[in-house]
Amino acid sequence: RSFLVEGHAQRRQEQLLQARAAYAEAMRIDPDYPAAKSMFLEVQQQLLEQAEEHFERAVVLEKSRNLELAITHLKQVQELVGDPNDPLYKKAENRLRDLTGD
């Protein structure tokens, strides 16, 4: 339950990545803890919305040939999504590969 409290504190401070990690740890310890799962899903949704905004910014920046900043936003998408199997993560990964040649 201390991870849940930690997650709440980090969420209040808008440290959503850390909050997601704390809620994930709470679920790992007690997979049947509904409050942890609920809070995890809420934070994950917020992070996905932020990631979508970063992706859209990256596309605009790429079109305006501001590639360095576009790359920064695409990396932010990956960090916010966190799951390499997520379609948005993969879109960002593919776009990064196109921009960097890696």
N, C-alpha and C. Protein backbone atom coordinates (compact mmCIF):
# COMPACT_ATOMS: atom_id res chain seq x y z
N ARG A 1 0.81 -1.20 0.00
CA ARG A 1 0.00 0.00 0.00
C ARG A 1 0.86 1.26 0.00
N SER A 2 2.11 1.14 0.43
CA SER A 2 2.97 2.33 0.43
C SER A 2 3.25 2.80 -1.00
N PHE A 3 3.29 1.88 -1.97
CA PHE A 3 3.50 2.30 -3.36
C PHE A 3 2.29 3.08 -3.87
N LEU A 4 1.12 2.72 -3.38
CA LEU A 4 -0.08 3.46 -3.76
C LEU A 4 -0.01 4.88 -3.22
N VAL A 5 0.39 5.04 -1.98
CA VAL A 5 0.54 6.36 -1.37
C VAL A 5 1.60 7.17 -2.13
N GLU A 6 2.70 6.50 -2.47
CA GLU A 6 3.76 7.15 -3.23
C GLU A 6 3.24 7.61 -4.60
N GLY A 7 2.47 6.75 -5.24
CA GLY A 7 1.89 7.09 -6.53
C GLY A 7 0.98 8.31 -6.43
N HIS A 8 0.15 8.35 -5.39
CA HIS A 8 -0.74 9.50 -5.19
C HIS A 8 0.06 10.79 -5.02
N ALA A 9 1.13 10.72 -4.23
CA ALA A 9 1.95 11.92 -3.99
C ALA A 9 2.61 12.39 -5.29
N GLN A 10 3.11 11.46 -6.06
CA GLN A 10 3.76 11.84 -7.31
C GLN A 10 2.75 12.37 -8.32
N ARG A 11 1.57 11.80 -8.31
CA ARG A 11 0.54 12.27 -9.23
C ARG A 11 0.14 13.71 -8.88
N ARG A 12 0.01 14.00 -7.59
CA ARG A 12 -0.32 15.37 -7.17
C ARG A 12 0.74 16.36 -7.63
N GLN A 13 1.99 15.90 -7.69
CA GLN A 13 3.09 16.75 -8.13
C GLN A 13 3.28 16.69 -9.66
N GLU A 14 2.34 16.03 -10.32
CA GLU A 14 2.36 15.87 -11.78
C GLU A 14 3.60 15.15 -12.28
N GLN A 15 4.12 14.26 -11.47
CA GLN A 15 5.22 13.39 -11.87
C GLN A 15 4.60 12.06 -12.31
N LEU A 16 4.00 12.09 -13.50
CA LEU A 16 3.18 10.97 -13.93
C LEU A 16 3.97 9.71 -14.24
N LEU A 17 5.17 9.85 -14.76
CA LEU A 17 5.99 8.66 -15.03
C LEU A 17 6.31 7.92 -13.73
N GLN A 18 6.67 8.69 -12.71
CA GLN A 18 6.98 8.08 -11.42
C GLN A 18 5.73 7.50 -10.78
N ALA A 19 4.61 8.20 -10.94
CA ALA A 19 3.34 7.69 -10.39
C ALA A 19 2.98 6.37 -11.06
N ARG A 20 3.12 6.30 -12.39
CA ARG A 20 2.82 5.06 -13.10
C ARG A 20 3.68 3.92 -12.57
N ALA A 21 4.96 4.19 -12.36
CA ALA A 21 5.86 3.15 -11.85
C ALA A 21 5.45 2.69 -10.45
N ALA A 22 5.03 3.62 -9.60
CA ALA A 22 4.62 3.26 -8.24
C ALA A 22 3.35 2.42 -8.27
N TYR A 23 2.38 2.81 -9.10
CA TYR A 23 1.14 2.03 -9.20
C TYR A 23 1.42 0.65 -9.80
N ALA A 24 2.33 0.59 -10.74
CA ALA A 24 2.69 -0.71 -11.34
C ALA A 24 3.32 -1.62 -10.29
N GLU A 25 4.14 -1.05 -9.44
CA GLU A 25 4.77 -1.84 -8.38
C GLU A 25 3.72 -2.31 -7.37
N ALA A 26 2.77 -1.44 -7.06
CA ALA A 26 1.68 -1.83 -6.16
C ALA A 26 0.89 -3.00 -6.75
N MET A 27 0.65 -2.96 -8.06
CA MET A 27 -0.08 -4.06 -8.72
C MET A 27 0.76 -5.33 -8.77
N ARG A 28 2.08 -5.17 -8.91
CA ARG A 28 2.96 -6.35 -8.93
C ARG A 28 2.91 -7.07 -7.58
N ILE A 29 2.90 -6.28 -6.52
CA ILE A 29 2.87 -6.85 -5.17
C ILE A 29 1.52 -7.48 -4.88
N ASP A 30 0.46 -6.80 -5.28
CA ASP A 30 -0.90 -7.31 -5.05
C ASP A 30 -1.73 -7.13 -6.32
N PRO A 31 -1.69 -8.13 -7.21
CA PRO A 31 -2.39 -8.02 -8.49
C PRO A 31 -3.90 -7.83 -8.36
N ASP A 32 -4.47 -8.15 -7.22
CA ASP A 32 -5.91 -8.03 -7.04
C ASP A 32 -6.30 -6.74 -6.31
N TYR A 33 -5.41 -5.75 -6.31
CA TYR A 33 -5.67 -4.50 -5.62
C TYR A 33 -6.31 -3.52 -6.59
N PRO A 34 -7.66 -3.36 -6.54
CA PRO A 34 -8.36 -2.58 -7.56
C PRO A 34 -7.97 -1.10 -7.59
N ALA A 35 -7.67 -0.51 -6.44
CA ALA A 35 -7.32 0.91 -6.42
C ALA A 35 -6.03 1.16 -7.20
N ALA A 36 -5.06 0.27 -7.06
CA ALA A 36 -3.80 0.42 -7.77
C ALA A 36 -4.02 0.30 -9.27
N LYS A 37 -4.82 -0.67 -9.66
CA LYS A 37 -5.08 -0.85 -11.09
C LYS A 37 -5.83 0.35 -11.67
N SER A 38 -6.81 0.83 -10.95
CA SER A 38 -7.59 1.97 -11.40
C SER A 38 -6.70 3.20 -11.57
N MET A 39 -5.87 3.48 -10.57
CA MET A 39 -5.00 4.65 -10.64
C MET A 39 -3.96 4.49 -11.74
N PHE A 40 -3.43 3.28 -11.90
CA PHE A 40 -2.47 3.01 -12.97
C PHE A 40 -3.09 3.34 -14.32
N LEU A 41 -4.32 2.86 -14.55
CA LEU A 41 -4.98 3.07 -15.83
C LEU A 41 -5.27 4.55 -16.08
N GLU A 42 -5.64 5.28 -15.03
CA GLU A 42 -5.88 6.71 -15.18
C GLU A 42 -4.61 7.46 -15.57
N VAL A 43 -3.52 7.14 -14.87
CA VAL A 43 -2.25 7.80 -15.17
C VAL A 43 -1.76 7.39 -16.55
N GLN A 44 -1.92 6.13 -16.89
CA GLN A 44 -1.49 5.66 -18.21
C GLN A 44 -2.24 6.42 -19.31
N GLN A 45 -3.52 6.64 -19.11
CA GLN A 45 -4.31 7.38 -20.10
C GLN A 45 -3.80 8.82 -20.24
N GLN A 46 -3.49 9.45 -19.12
CA GLN A 46 -2.95 10.81 -19.17
C GLN A 46 -1.62 10.83 -19.94
N LEU A 47 -0.78 9.84 -19.67
CA LEU A 47 0.51 9.78 -20.35
C LEU A 47 0.35 9.53 -21.84
N LEU A 48 -0.60 8.70 -22.21
CA LEU A 48 -0.85 8.44 -23.63
C LEU A 48 -1.35 9.70 -24.34
N GLU A 49 -2.18 10.46 -23.66
CA GLU A 49 -2.66 11.72 -24.26
C GLU A 49 -1.49 12.68 -24.47
N GLN A 50 -0.61 12.75 -23.50
CA GLN A 50 0.57 13.60 -23.64
C GLN A 50 1.45 13.10 -24.78
N ALA A 51 1.59 11.78 -24.88
CA ALA A 51 2.42 11.19 -25.93
C ALA A 51 1.86 11.51 -27.31
N GLU A 52 0.55 11.46 -27.44
CA GLU A 52 -0.08 11.80 -28.73
C GLU A 52 0.20 13.25 -29.10
N GLU A 53 0.15 14.14 -28.12
CA GLU A 53 0.45 15.55 -28.38
C GLU A 53 1.90 15.71 -28.85
N HIS A 54 2.81 15.00 -28.20
CA HIS A 54 4.22 15.07 -28.60
C HIS A 54 4.41 14.52 -30.01
N PHE A 55 3.70 13.46 -30.33
CA PHE A 55 3.82 12.88 -31.66
C PHE A 55 3.35 13.88 -32.72
N GLU A 56 2.22 14.52 -32.45
CA GLU A 56 1.69 15.51 -33.39
C GLU A 56 2.67 16.68 -33.56
N ARG A 57 3.28 17.11 -32.46
CA ARG A 57 4.28 18.19 -32.54
C ARG A 57 5.47 17.75 -33.38
N ALA A 58 5.89 16.50 -33.17
CA ALA A 58 7.03 15.98 -33.93
C ALA A 58 6.76 15.98 -35.42
N VAL A 59 5.55 15.62 -35.81
CA VAL A 59 5.19 15.60 -37.23
C VAL A 59 5.27 17.01 -37.81
N VAL A 60 4.72 17.99 -37.09
CA VAL A 60 4.77 19.38 -37.55
C VAL A 60 6.22 19.85 -37.65
N LEU A 61 7.01 19.54 -36.65
CA LEU A 61 8.42 19.95 -36.64
C LEU A 61 9.19 19.29 -37.77
N GLU A 62 8.89 18.04 -38.03
CA GLU A 62 9.57 17.34 -39.13
C GLU A 62 9.23 18.00 -40.47
N LYS A 63 7.99 18.36 -40.65
CA LYS A 63 7.57 19.02 -41.90
C LYS A 63 8.24 20.38 -42.08
N SER A 64 8.50 21.05 -40.96
CA SER A 64 9.16 22.36 -41.03
C SER A 64 10.69 22.21 -41.00
N ARG A 65 11.16 20.98 -41.09
CA ARG A 65 12.59 20.64 -41.15
C ARG A 65 13.34 20.94 -39.86
N ASN A 66 12.62 21.02 -38.75
CA ASN A 66 13.26 21.17 -37.45
C ASN A 66 13.45 19.77 -36.88
N LEU A 67 14.39 19.05 -37.49
CA LEU A 67 14.53 17.62 -37.21
C LEU A 67 15.03 17.32 -35.80
N GLU A 68 15.91 18.13 -35.30
CA GLU A 68 16.45 17.87 -33.96
C GLU A 68 15.34 17.92 -32.90
N LEU A 69 14.49 18.92 -33.01
CA LEU A 69 13.40 19.03 -32.05
C LEU A 69 12.35 17.95 -32.28
N ALA A 70 12.13 17.59 -33.54
CA ALA A 70 11.21 16.48 -33.85
C ALA A 70 11.69 15.20 -33.20
N ILE A 71 12.98 14.95 -33.27
CA ILE A 71 13.56 13.74 -32.66
C ILE A 71 13.36 13.77 -31.15
N THR A 72 13.55 14.92 -30.54
CA THR A 72 13.34 15.06 -29.09
C THR A 72 11.91 14.70 -28.72
N HIS A 73 10.95 15.18 -29.48
CA HIS A 73 9.54 14.89 -29.19
C HIS A 73 9.22 13.41 -29.41
N LEU A 74 9.81 12.80 -30.42
CA LEU A 74 9.56 11.37 -30.67
C LEU A 74 10.14 10.52 -29.54
N LYS A 75 11.28 10.90 -29.02
CA LYS A 75 11.85 10.17 -27.87
C LYS A 75 10.97 10.35 -26.64
N GLN A 76 10.38 11.53 -26.52
CA GLN A 76 9.46 11.77 -25.40
C GLN A 76 8.23 10.88 -25.53
N VAL A 77 7.75 10.68 -26.75
CA VAL A 77 6.62 9.78 -26.98
C VAL A 77 6.95 8.40 -26.43
N GLN A 78 8.13 7.90 -26.76
CA GLN A 78 8.52 6.57 -26.30
C GLN A 78 8.59 6.50 -24.78
N GLU A 79 9.13 7.52 -24.16
CA GLU A 79 9.23 7.53 -22.70
C GLU A 79 7.85 7.55 -22.05
N LEU A 80 6.97 8.38 -22.59
CA LEU A 80 5.63 8.50 -22.01
C LEU A 80 4.81 7.23 -22.20
N VAL A 81 4.91 6.63 -23.37
CA VAL A 81 4.15 5.40 -23.63
C VAL A 81 4.72 4.26 -22.81
N GLY A 82 6.03 4.08 -22.86
CA GLY A 82 6.69 3.09 -22.03
C GLY A 82 6.64 1.65 -22.52
N ASP A 83 5.69 1.32 -23.37
CA ASP A 83 5.50 -0.06 -23.82
C ASP A 83 5.93 -0.19 -25.28
N PRO A 84 7.05 -0.87 -25.55
CA PRO A 84 7.53 -1.02 -26.92
C PRO A 84 6.55 -1.73 -27.86
N ASN A 85 5.56 -2.39 -27.31
CA ASN A 85 4.56 -3.07 -28.14
C ASN A 85 3.36 -2.19 -28.48
N ASP A 86 3.29 -1.03 -27.87
CA ASP A 86 2.18 -0.11 -28.12
C ASP A 86 2.30 0.47 -29.54
N PRO A 87 1.19 0.59 -30.26
CA PRO A 87 1.26 1.11 -31.64
C PRO A 87 1.85 2.52 -31.74
N LEU A 88 1.56 3.40 -30.79
CA LEU A 88 2.11 4.75 -30.84
C LEU A 88 3.62 4.71 -30.61
N TYR A 89 4.07 3.88 -29.70
CA TYR A 89 5.51 3.71 -29.46
C TYR A 89 6.18 3.27 -30.76
N LYS A 90 5.57 2.30 -31.44
CA LYS A 90 6.13 1.77 -32.68
C LYS A 90 6.16 2.85 -33.78
N LYS A 91 5.11 3.67 -33.85
CA LYS A 91 5.09 4.76 -34.83
C LYS A 91 6.24 5.73 -34.57
N ALA A 92 6.43 6.06 -33.31
CA ALA A 92 7.53 6.96 -32.96
C ALA A 92 8.88 6.31 -33.27
N GLU A 93 9.00 5.03 -32.97
CA GLU A 93 10.24 4.31 -33.24
C GLU A 93 10.55 4.30 -34.74
N ASN A 94 9.54 4.04 -35.56
CA ASN A 94 9.74 4.02 -37.01
C ASN A 94 10.12 5.40 -37.54
N ARG A 95 9.46 6.41 -37.02
CA ARG A 95 9.76 7.77 -37.47
C ARG A 95 11.17 8.18 -37.04
N LEU A 96 11.56 7.78 -35.83
CA LEU A 96 12.93 8.06 -35.36
C LEU A 96 13.93 7.37 -36.27
N ARG A 97 13.66 6.14 -36.62
CA ARG A 97 14.56 5.38 -37.48
C ARG A 97 14.71 6.10 -38.83
N ASP A 98 13.60 6.60 -39.36
CA ASP A 98 13.64 7.33 -40.63
C ASP A 98 14.47 8.62 -40.51
N LEU A 99 14.34 9.30 -39.39
CA LEU A 99 15.03 10.58 -39.22
C LEU A 99 16.50 10.43 -38.89
N THR A 100 16.83 9.39 -38.13
CA THR A 100 18.21 9.24 -37.66
C THR A 100 19.02 8.24 -38.46
N GLY A 101 18.33 7.39 -39.22
CA GLY A 101 19.02 6.36 -39.97
C GLY A 101 19.46 5.18 -39.13
N ASP A 102 19.03 5.15 -37.87
CA ASP A 102 19.40 4.03 -36.97
C ASP A 102 18.41 2.91 -37.07
